[in-house]
Amino acid sequence: MNFNKVLLICFFILFSCEPDDLCLETYPDTPKLIIKFFDNVSQESTIINNLIIEDIDRNLVLYNGTTDSISIPLNYRKQQTSLNFIYNTNLDKVYVNYGTNEVFISKGCGYRMEYLLENIIVENDNENWISSLEISNQNVVEESNHHVKIFF
């Protein structure tokens, strides 16, 4: 096969794709739930040490460390994500309930999921380290700001 034929084939392969066939990095992925931690007394954002967050259904550790906020992937197959929040060996079970909305991005990217937070329940065991929580933004469609405040 001569060089011109190879070049012609490569040209057709490269330029036969429509822009919709490619998924650029600028298209947003399915957003994660952003939780920010606050001091219960001062109501100020604060860093929490020795935090472990586990996804109960997937038996997966999502985070282990020190932070003032965390991003959590929600389970798009269900309308609830069950989590263990462990702080200094104290465990609180947290249930995040939400509606889902599939959004078509493009042929190359497919779909992304967006969420509408309905409520978040902290299972009460009379030894909770989480004092309260507040949904700041019910629409989980982007990750530029927190959606939930946890007070401890």
Protein backbone atom coordinates (compact mmCIF):
# COMPACT_ATOMS: atom_id res chain seq x y z
CA MET A 1 0.00 0.00 0.00
CA ASN A 2 1.50 3.31 -0.92
CA PHE A 3 1.91 6.29 1.38
CA ASN A 4 -0.88 8.38 -0.25
CA LYS A 5 -3.49 5.67 0.37
CA VAL A 6 -2.45 5.35 4.04
CA LEU A 7 -2.59 9.13 4.43
CA LEU A 8 -6.02 9.27 2.79
CA ILE A 9 -7.38 6.52 5.07
CA CYS A 10 -6.01 8.28 8.16
CA PHE A 11 -7.55 11.56 7.00
CA PHE A 12 -11.02 9.99 6.64
CA ILE A 13 -10.77 8.24 10.01
CA LEU A 14 -9.73 11.42 11.82
CA PHE A 15 -12.26 13.72 10.22
CA SER A 16 -15.23 11.38 9.91
CA CYS A 17 -16.16 11.86 13.58
CA GLU A 18 -18.84 14.38 14.33
CA PRO A 19 -18.21 16.76 17.24
CA ASP A 20 -21.02 14.97 19.08
CA ASP A 21 -19.08 11.66 18.84
CA LEU A 22 -16.32 12.98 21.09
CA CYS A 23 -16.55 13.65 24.80
CA LEU A 24 -14.40 16.59 25.79
CA GLU A 25 -13.10 17.03 29.33
CA THR A 26 -15.04 20.30 29.56
CA TYR A 27 -18.34 18.41 29.81
CA PRO A 28 -19.33 17.95 33.46
CA ASP A 29 -19.48 14.50 35.02
CA THR A 30 -22.19 13.38 37.41
CA PRO A 31 -21.78 15.68 40.42
CA LYS A 32 -20.96 14.46 43.90
CA LEU A 33 -22.67 15.55 47.10
CA ILE A 34 -20.53 18.18 48.88
CA ILE A 35 -20.76 18.14 52.69
CA LYS A 36 -19.11 20.84 54.79
CA PHE A 37 -18.46 20.51 58.54
CA PHE A 38 -19.33 23.19 61.11
CA ASP A 39 -18.73 23.70 64.80
CA ASN A 40 -22.05 23.35 66.63
CA VAL A 41 -21.29 26.20 69.08
CA SER A 42 -19.63 28.85 66.89
CA GLN A 43 -21.52 27.86 63.70
CA GLU A 44 -18.20 28.41 61.85
CA SER A 45 -16.72 26.07 59.27
CA THR A 46 -14.20 23.81 60.96
CA ILE A 47 -11.77 21.01 60.26
CA ILE A 48 -12.67 17.55 61.49
CA ASN A 49 -9.90 15.08 62.39
CA ASN A 50 -9.97 11.28 62.31
CA LEU A 51 -12.99 11.08 60.00
CA ILE A 52 -13.90 7.90 58.15
CA ILE A 53 -16.83 7.73 55.75
CA GLU A 54 -18.04 4.35 54.50
CA ASP A 55 -20.60 3.50 51.85
CA ILE A 56 -22.64 0.80 53.60
CA ASP A 57 -24.22 -0.74 50.49
CA ARG A 58 -20.97 -1.04 48.56
CA ASN A 59 -18.86 -1.88 51.63
CA LEU A 60 -16.38 0.80 50.55
CA VAL A 61 -14.35 3.40 52.46
CA LEU A 62 -14.95 6.73 50.72
CA TYR A 63 -12.72 8.86 52.95
CA ASN A 64 -10.24 8.50 55.80
CA GLY A 65 -8.47 11.58 57.16
CA THR A 66 -8.79 15.23 58.16
CA THR A 67 -10.89 17.75 56.23
CA ASP A 68 -13.40 20.59 56.41
CA SER A 69 -15.52 19.23 53.54
CA ILE A 70 -16.01 16.03 51.61
CA SER A 71 -17.45 15.05 48.22
CA ILE A 72 -19.52 11.87 48.20
CA PRO A 73 -20.71 9.96 45.12
CA LEU A 74 -24.41 9.16 45.39
CA ASN A 75 -25.77 5.82 44.24
CA TYR A 76 -27.47 6.58 40.90
CA ARG A 77 -29.15 3.14 40.80
CA LYS A 78 -31.16 3.86 43.94
CA GLN A 79 -32.72 6.89 45.51
CA GLN A 80 -30.88 6.46 48.78
CA THR A 81 -27.23 6.29 49.78
CA SER A 82 -26.47 4.77 53.18
CA LEU A 83 -23.29 5.93 54.90
CA ASN A 84 -21.34 5.39 58.10
CA PHE A 85 -19.75 8.58 59.45
CA ILE A 86 -17.08 7.55 61.96
CA TYR A 87 -15.44 10.24 64.10
CA ASN A 88 -12.96 9.15 66.80
CA THR A 89 -14.53 5.65 66.86
CA ASN A 90 -18.09 7.08 67.25
CA LEU A 91 -20.30 5.83 64.42
CA ASP A 92 -23.39 7.62 63.05
CA LYS A 93 -25.46 6.07 60.27
CA VAL A 94 -26.62 8.64 57.72
CA TYR A 95 -29.23 8.02 55.02
CA VAL A 96 -29.30 10.44 52.08
CA ASN A 97 -32.62 10.33 50.18
CA TYR A 98 -32.96 11.97 46.77
CA GLY A 99 -34.67 11.97 43.40
CA THR A 100 -32.67 11.40 40.24
CA ASN A 101 -32.75 13.05 36.83
CA GLU A 102 -30.83 11.65 33.86
CA VAL A 103 -29.49 14.42 31.62
CA PHE A 104 -28.31 13.70 28.06
CA ILE A 105 -24.92 15.34 27.40
CA SER A 106 -24.01 14.11 23.90
CA LYS A 107 -23.65 10.92 21.90
CA GLY A 108 -19.98 10.66 22.86
CA CYS A 109 -20.47 11.45 26.55
CA GLY A 110 -23.80 9.78 27.12
CA TYR A 111 -25.77 10.77 30.20
CA ARG A 112 -25.01 12.27 33.56
CA MET A 113 -27.13 12.09 36.67
CA GLU A 114 -28.41 15.05 38.64
CA TYR A 115 -29.98 14.75 42.09
CA LEU A 116 -32.64 16.54 44.12
CA LEU A 117 -32.08 16.04 47.85
CA GLU A 118 -35.31 15.14 49.66
CA ASN A 119 -33.98 14.60 53.19
CA ILE A 120 -31.05 13.29 55.16
CA ILE A 121 -31.65 11.16 58.20
CA VAL A 122 -29.15 10.57 60.99
CA GLU A 123 -30.07 7.38 62.81
CA ASN A 124 -30.49 8.27 66.49
CA ASP A 125 -28.64 5.95 68.86
CA ASN A 126 -28.43 8.42 71.80
CA GLU A 127 -24.66 8.68 71.26
CA ASN A 128 -24.59 10.68 68.04
CA TRP A 129 -21.59 12.90 67.40
CA ILE A 130 -23.50 14.68 64.62
CA SER A 131 -25.56 17.35 66.43
CA SER A 132 -27.61 18.39 63.41
CA LEU A 133 -27.44 18.89 59.68
CA GLU A 134 -28.88 21.32 57.20
CA ILE A 135 -29.50 21.02 53.47
CA SER A 136 -28.09 24.24 51.98
CA ASN A 137 -28.80 23.40 48.35
CA GLN A 138 -31.22 20.63 47.33
CA ASN A 139 -30.06 20.59 43.72
CA VAL A 140 -26.93 18.49 43.28
CA VAL A 141 -26.09 19.58 39.74
CA GLU A 142 -22.59 20.99 40.25
CA GLU A 143 -19.74 20.85 42.76
CA SER A 144 -18.74 24.50 43.18
CA ASN A 145 -20.44 24.90 46.58
CA HIS A 146 -21.52 22.67 49.45
CA HIS A 147 -24.98 21.09 49.50
CA VAL A 148 -25.13 19.99 53.14
CA LYS A 149 -23.84 21.35 56.46
CA ILE A 150 -23.05 18.93 59.28
CA PHE A 151 -22.78 20.41 62.76
CA PHE A 152 -20.81 18.54 65.42
